[in-house]
Protein backbone atom coordinates (compact mmCIF):
# COMPACT_ATOMS: atom_id res chain seq x y z
CA MET A 1 82.48 108.81 118.49
CA ARG A 2 79.96 110.77 116.46
CA GLU A 3 80.31 110.11 112.76
CA THR A 4 80.54 113.37 110.84
CA THR A 5 82.79 114.51 108.03
CA GLY A 6 84.55 116.81 110.47
CA THR A 7 85.40 114.00 112.89
CA GLY A 8 86.63 111.92 109.97
CA HIS A 9 89.06 114.66 108.94
CA LEU A 10 90.20 115.15 112.55
CA ALA A 11 90.77 111.40 112.95
CA ALA A 12 92.84 111.26 109.75
CA LEU A 13 94.85 114.34 110.72
CA PHE A 14 95.52 113.00 114.22
CA THR A 15 96.63 109.65 112.82
CA VAL A 16 99.06 111.16 110.34
CA ALA A 17 100.38 113.55 113.00
CA VAL A 18 101.35 110.55 115.12
CA TRP A 19 102.63 108.48 112.20
CA GLY A 20 104.74 111.42 111.06
CA THR A 21 106.93 110.96 114.15
CA THR A 22 107.30 107.17 113.97
CA TYR A 23 110.25 107.24 111.59
CA ILE A 24 112.52 108.40 114.42
CA SER A 25 111.34 105.55 116.65
CA THR A 26 111.93 102.96 113.92
CA LYS A 27 115.43 104.27 113.16
CA VAL A 28 116.34 104.12 116.86
CA LEU A 29 115.05 100.55 117.19
CA LEU A 30 116.89 99.38 114.06
CA ASN A 31 120.12 99.79 116.05
CA ASP A 32 119.15 96.84 118.28
CA PHE A 33 116.32 95.04 116.47
CA THR A 34 115.80 93.56 113.01
CA PRO A 35 112.83 94.78 110.91
CA VAL A 36 110.90 91.56 111.67
CA GLU A 37 111.59 91.84 115.41
CA ILE A 38 110.30 95.42 115.44
CA LEU A 39 107.06 94.30 113.80
CA ILE A 40 106.47 91.46 116.25
CA PHE A 41 107.34 93.46 119.37
CA ARG A 42 105.20 96.32 118.04
CA PHE A 43 101.99 94.46 117.26
CA VAL A 44 101.90 92.06 120.22
CA PRO A 45 101.28 94.91 122.74
CA ALA A 46 98.94 96.56 120.20
CA ILE A 47 96.75 93.44 120.08
CA ALA A 48 96.83 93.15 123.88
CA ALA A 49 95.75 96.79 124.21
CA LEU A 50 92.82 96.27 121.84
CA PHE A 51 91.74 93.20 123.83
CA LEU A 52 91.78 95.30 127.01
CA ALA A 53 89.85 98.09 125.29
CA CYS A 54 87.14 95.69 124.08
CA PRO A 55 87.42 92.15 125.54
CA ARG A 56 84.42 90.69 123.73
CA PRO A 57 85.13 88.54 120.66
CA LEU A 58 84.15 89.27 117.09
CA ARG A 59 81.40 86.80 116.20
CA GLY A 60 79.14 86.10 113.26
CA THR A 61 81.66 86.64 110.47
CA THR A 62 81.47 84.81 107.15
CA LEU A 63 84.33 83.10 105.31
CA ARG A 64 84.35 85.94 102.77
CA GLN A 65 84.72 88.50 105.55
CA GLU A 66 87.51 86.51 107.20
CA LEU A 67 89.36 86.41 103.89
CA CYS A 68 89.03 90.19 103.69
CA PHE A 69 90.43 90.55 107.23
CA ALA A 70 93.31 88.26 106.30
CA ALA A 71 94.06 90.25 103.14
CA ALA A 72 94.04 93.51 105.12
CA GLY A 73 96.41 91.96 107.67
CA PHE A 74 98.71 90.83 104.88
CA PHE A 75 98.85 94.16 103.03
CA GLY A 76 98.53 96.67 105.90
CA VAL A 77 100.47 94.94 108.68
CA CYS A 78 102.74 92.21 107.33
CA LEU A 79 103.72 93.42 103.86
CA TYR A 80 103.66 97.20 104.32
CA TYR A 81 105.74 97.34 107.48
CA LEU A 82 108.17 94.65 106.38
CA LEU A 83 108.80 96.47 103.11
CA GLU A 84 109.09 99.88 104.81
CA ASN A 85 111.45 98.70 107.56
CA ILE A 86 113.65 96.73 105.18
CA ALA A 87 113.69 99.62 102.68
CA LEU A 88 115.10 101.92 105.39
CA THR A 89 118.10 99.61 105.72
CA TYR A 90 118.92 99.96 102.01
CA THR A 91 117.97 103.50 101.04
CA PHE A 92 118.08 107.03 102.42
CA ALA A 93 115.25 108.36 104.55
CA ALA A 94 114.68 111.12 101.98
CA ASN A 95 114.13 108.56 99.24
CA ALA A 96 111.73 106.51 101.36
CA GLY A 97 109.82 109.62 102.45
CA ILE A 98 109.23 110.73 98.88
CA ILE A 99 108.40 107.31 97.47
CA ILE A 100 106.06 106.10 100.23
CA ALA A 101 104.15 109.38 99.94
CA THR A 102 102.89 108.14 96.56
CA ALA A 103 100.46 105.81 98.39
CA PRO A 104 97.45 108.15 97.82
CA PHE A 105 98.14 108.08 94.08
CA PHE A 106 98.01 104.27 93.99
CA THR A 107 94.90 104.29 96.18
CA ALA A 108 93.19 106.63 93.72
CA LEU A 109 94.39 104.57 90.77
CA PHE A 110 93.02 101.34 92.25
CA ALA A 111 89.73 103.02 93.18
CA PHE A 112 89.41 104.49 89.70
CA PHE A 113 89.61 101.10 87.99
CA LEU A 114 87.86 98.97 90.59
CA PRO A 115 84.12 98.59 89.97
CA ASN A 116 81.77 99.92 92.66
CA SER A 117 84.62 101.54 94.62
CA GLY A 118 82.42 104.61 95.22
CA GLU A 119 85.41 106.98 94.90
CA LYS A 120 86.32 108.53 91.59
CA PRO A 121 88.94 111.28 91.93
CA GLY A 122 88.82 114.02 89.32
CA LYS A 123 91.56 115.93 87.52
CA LEU A 124 92.30 118.18 90.48
CA PHE A 125 93.34 115.15 92.53
CA PHE A 126 96.18 114.41 90.13
CA VAL A 127 97.13 118.10 89.93
CA GLY A 128 97.26 118.12 93.72
CA PHE A 129 99.37 114.96 93.68
CA ALA A 130 101.94 116.60 91.39
CA VAL A 131 102.06 119.77 93.53
CA THR A 132 102.37 117.74 96.71
CA MET A 133 105.15 115.51 95.41
CA ALA A 134 107.13 118.64 94.46
CA GLY A 135 106.67 119.94 98.00
CA ILE A 136 107.57 116.63 99.63
CA ALA A 137 110.69 116.38 97.45
CA LEU A 138 111.81 119.83 98.67
CA ILE A 139 111.12 118.88 102.30
CA ASN A 140 112.92 115.55 102.19
CA LEU A 141 115.90 116.60 100.12
CA ASN A 142 116.41 120.12 101.58
CA GLY A 143 119.98 120.64 100.45
CA SER A 144 120.86 116.97 99.88
CA ARG A 145 120.97 115.06 96.64
CA PHE A 146 118.51 112.39 95.56
CA GLN A 147 120.58 109.26 94.94
CA LEU A 148 118.97 106.17 93.53
CA ASN A 149 119.25 103.02 95.64
CA PRO A 150 117.43 100.50 93.42
CA LEU A 151 116.63 97.79 95.97
CA GLY A 152 115.58 100.11 98.80
CA ASP A 153 113.65 102.44 96.50
CA VAL A 154 111.73 99.58 94.87
CA LEU A 155 110.87 98.17 98.31
CA ALA A 156 109.59 101.61 99.37
CA LEU A 157 107.46 101.83 96.22
CA LEU A 158 106.00 98.38 96.89
CA ALA A 159 105.23 99.52 100.46
CA ALA A 160 103.21 102.42 99.03
CA VAL A 161 101.29 99.99 96.80
CA ALA A 162 100.65 97.69 99.77
CA TRP A 163 99.24 100.56 101.84
CA ALA A 164 96.95 101.58 98.97
CA ALA A 165 95.58 98.03 98.87
CA TYR A 166 95.09 98.04 102.64
CA SER A 167 93.19 101.35 102.58
CA LEU A 168 90.68 100.01 100.06
CA LEU A 169 90.28 96.80 102.07
CA ALA A 170 89.71 98.89 105.22
CA LYS A 171 86.89 100.68 103.39
CA LYS A 172 85.32 97.33 102.47
CA ILE A 173 85.68 96.05 106.06
CA ALA A 174 83.96 99.21 107.33
CA GLY A 175 80.89 98.14 105.40
CA PHE A 176 80.60 94.86 107.32
CA GLY A 177 79.02 96.71 110.24
CA TYR A 178 81.30 95.52 113.06
CA PRO A 179 82.91 97.78 115.73
CA THR A 180 86.17 99.32 114.54
CA ILE A 181 88.21 98.09 117.51
CA LEU A 182 87.15 94.49 116.89
CA THR A 183 87.87 94.58 113.16
CA THR A 184 91.23 96.29 113.70
CA ARG A 185 92.19 93.64 116.26
CA ARG A 186 91.19 90.86 113.85
CA VAL A 187 93.33 92.43 111.10
CA PHE A 188 96.28 92.68 113.53
CA LEU A 189 95.92 89.01 114.48
CA TYR A 190 96.04 87.94 110.85
CA GLY A 191 98.96 90.28 110.18
CA LEU A 192 100.95 88.93 113.13
CA ALA A 193 100.18 85.34 112.12
CA LEU A 194 101.51 86.07 108.62
CA ILE A 195 104.65 87.75 110.01
CA LEU A 196 105.62 84.84 112.28
CA PRO A 197 106.76 82.49 109.46
CA THR A 198 109.38 85.07 108.44
CA LEU A 199 111.18 84.35 111.72
CA PHE A 200 112.59 81.21 110.10
CA PHE A 201 114.35 83.39 107.52
CA SER A 202 115.50 86.21 109.82
CA ASP A 203 118.04 86.65 112.58
CA PHE A 204 115.62 86.62 115.52
CA HIS A 205 116.96 86.83 119.07
CA TRP A 206 115.07 87.26 122.32
CA GLU A 207 117.82 89.09 124.27
CA PRO A 208 115.72 90.58 127.12
CA ALA A 209 118.47 93.09 127.92
CA ARG A 210 117.46 95.10 124.82
CA PHE A 211 114.05 95.82 126.35
CA LEU A 212 115.62 97.25 129.51
CA ARG A 213 117.13 100.15 127.60
CA PRO A 214 114.77 103.11 128.17
CA GLU A 215 114.89 104.30 124.55
CA ASN A 216 113.96 100.84 123.24
CA ALA A 217 111.15 100.31 125.75
CA PHE A 218 109.68 103.76 125.10
CA ASN A 219 109.81 103.48 121.32
CA LEU A 220 108.31 99.97 121.25
CA LEU A 221 105.45 101.07 123.50
CA PHE A 222 104.93 104.21 121.42
CA LEU A 223 104.81 102.20 118.18
CA GLY A 224 102.63 99.47 119.70
CA LEU A 225 100.12 101.39 121.79
CA GLY A 226 100.06 104.76 120.04
CA ALA A 227 101.01 104.34 116.40
CA SER A 228 99.38 100.91 116.04
CA ALA A 229 96.57 100.18 118.53
CA LEU A 230 95.20 103.72 118.67
CA CYS A 231 96.10 105.06 115.24
CA PHE A 232 94.89 102.10 113.21
CA VAL A 233 91.51 102.47 114.93
CA THR A 234 91.36 106.21 114.17
CA TRP A 235 92.59 105.62 110.59
CA ASN A 236 89.97 102.95 109.93
CA PHE A 237 87.35 105.24 111.46
CA ALA A 238 88.40 108.02 109.06
CA VAL A 239 88.34 105.62 106.09
CA ARG A 240 84.77 104.64 106.95
CA ILE A 241 83.65 108.28 107.05
CA LEU A 242 85.70 109.88 104.27
CA GLY A 243 86.52 106.96 102.00
CA ALA A 244 89.83 105.26 101.27
CA VAL A 245 91.21 107.76 98.75
CA LYS A 246 90.29 110.92 100.65
CA THR A 247 91.72 109.59 103.89
CA CYS A 248 94.89 108.39 102.21
CA VAL A 249 95.53 111.92 100.95
CA TYR A 250 96.40 112.88 104.53
CA ILE A 251 99.61 110.86 104.15
CA TYR A 252 100.86 113.95 102.31
CA ALA A 253 100.88 115.79 105.65
CA GLY A 254 103.40 113.35 107.17
CA PRO A 255 106.52 115.22 106.00
CA VAL A 256 105.00 118.50 107.21
CA VAL A 257 104.57 116.97 110.68
CA THR A 258 108.21 115.88 110.58
CA VAL A 259 109.33 119.42 109.71
CA VAL A 260 107.26 120.98 112.50
CA THR A 261 108.50 118.40 115.02
CA ALA A 262 112.13 118.90 114.03
CA THR A 263 111.77 122.68 114.25
CA LEU A 264 109.96 122.84 117.60
CA ILE A 265 111.55 119.92 119.45
CA LEU A 266 114.93 119.32 117.82
CA LYS A 267 115.48 123.04 117.13
CA GLU A 268 116.44 122.36 113.54
CA PRO A 269 116.45 125.45 111.26
CA PHE A 270 113.35 126.18 109.22
CA THR A 271 114.87 127.09 105.85
CA ALA A 272 113.31 128.79 102.84
CA THR A 273 113.36 125.44 101.03
CA LEU A 274 111.37 123.84 103.85
CA ALA A 275 108.92 126.76 103.84
CA VAL A 276 108.26 126.43 100.10
CA GLY A 277 108.04 122.63 100.36
CA THR A 278 105.58 122.83 103.25
CA ALA A 279 103.40 125.36 101.41
CA LEU A 280 103.33 123.23 98.23
CA THR A 281 102.53 120.08 100.19
CA LEU A 282 99.61 121.70 101.98
CA LEU A 283 98.32 123.26 98.75
CA GLY A 284 98.47 119.89 97.02
CA LEU A 285 96.62 118.28 99.93
CA ILE A 286 93.82 120.86 99.66
CA LEU A 287 93.56 120.39 95.89
CA SER A 288 93.50 116.60 96.18
CA GLU A 289 90.91 116.59 98.96
CA GLY A 290 88.36 118.69 97.14
CA ASN A 291 87.77 116.88 93.86
CA PHE A 292 85.73 113.70 94.38
CA SER A 293 82.41 112.35 93.34
CA ARG A 294 80.07 112.32 96.32
CA GLU A 295 79.81 109.15 98.36
CA LYS A 296 77.56 108.44 101.28
CA PRO A 297 79.39 107.51 104.45
CA VAL A 298 79.23 103.90 105.52
CA LYS A 299 76.97 103.39 108.50
CA GLU A 300 77.67 100.61 110.93
CA LYS A 301 74.81 98.63 112.37
CA ARG A 302 76.62 97.94 115.64
CA ASN A 303 78.62 99.91 118.17
CA ARG A 304 81.27 101.78 116.25
CA ILE A 305 84.29 102.32 118.46
């Protein structure tokens, strides 16, 4: 894939477009699977797919690089998805949608204070964040009330923080110069290894009959092959080209994707509230995207994807 700013934006937009539909799949699977089970049965086929896509091993890494891979697996695979899935069992989808959308803010905050991050968002970024959060609140609430659910809401907030940490680690990993598929697979392996110990504290059952249900099989394959194997590669590619903060801003578009999907596929009404919320979200995204100090894209020394 040719590395240009345009392809970076397209990769980020594609990724968020797919991720914007995963909430439905997760909610369906939570009827038959626990949050930990969903993670395991999601990332096992994702790792297998990445092995098929690029069978050769990742060699020549240093201990420092392996620690970075492990940290990315912990924050972006193990911690983020555990927190998000568990949060959905305690709080409303509207709450989780609003709170998790704060991830770009935490990414910018971390980048602002971290030395040599290469990304320093300006005032317009934070103006855009405020505008976007107003739009996302309108989209997610749309006639319903925002009710605090302390445990679920705190878990959703921690998930946003975990994703911010992962995005910055993905930017650092991009600078190692290894192919994106190989680094993504290594991160998945560490993430899965860190998830497995939680089986001792969760109600894990094999129950093969669950996998024979068409809706379960489809949603697990969609989450594993599409939303994980493919989209983590395209997300990490975008992070390498655009930077962690700029790429993370595309998370704002997730609720817009949900609105469009619900309108076109589920035939849900497109209300005035949704129209205003969508417009504010997109305006905030544009404002946030355009106010950064310049940073040269990271160039890999090896095959990229």
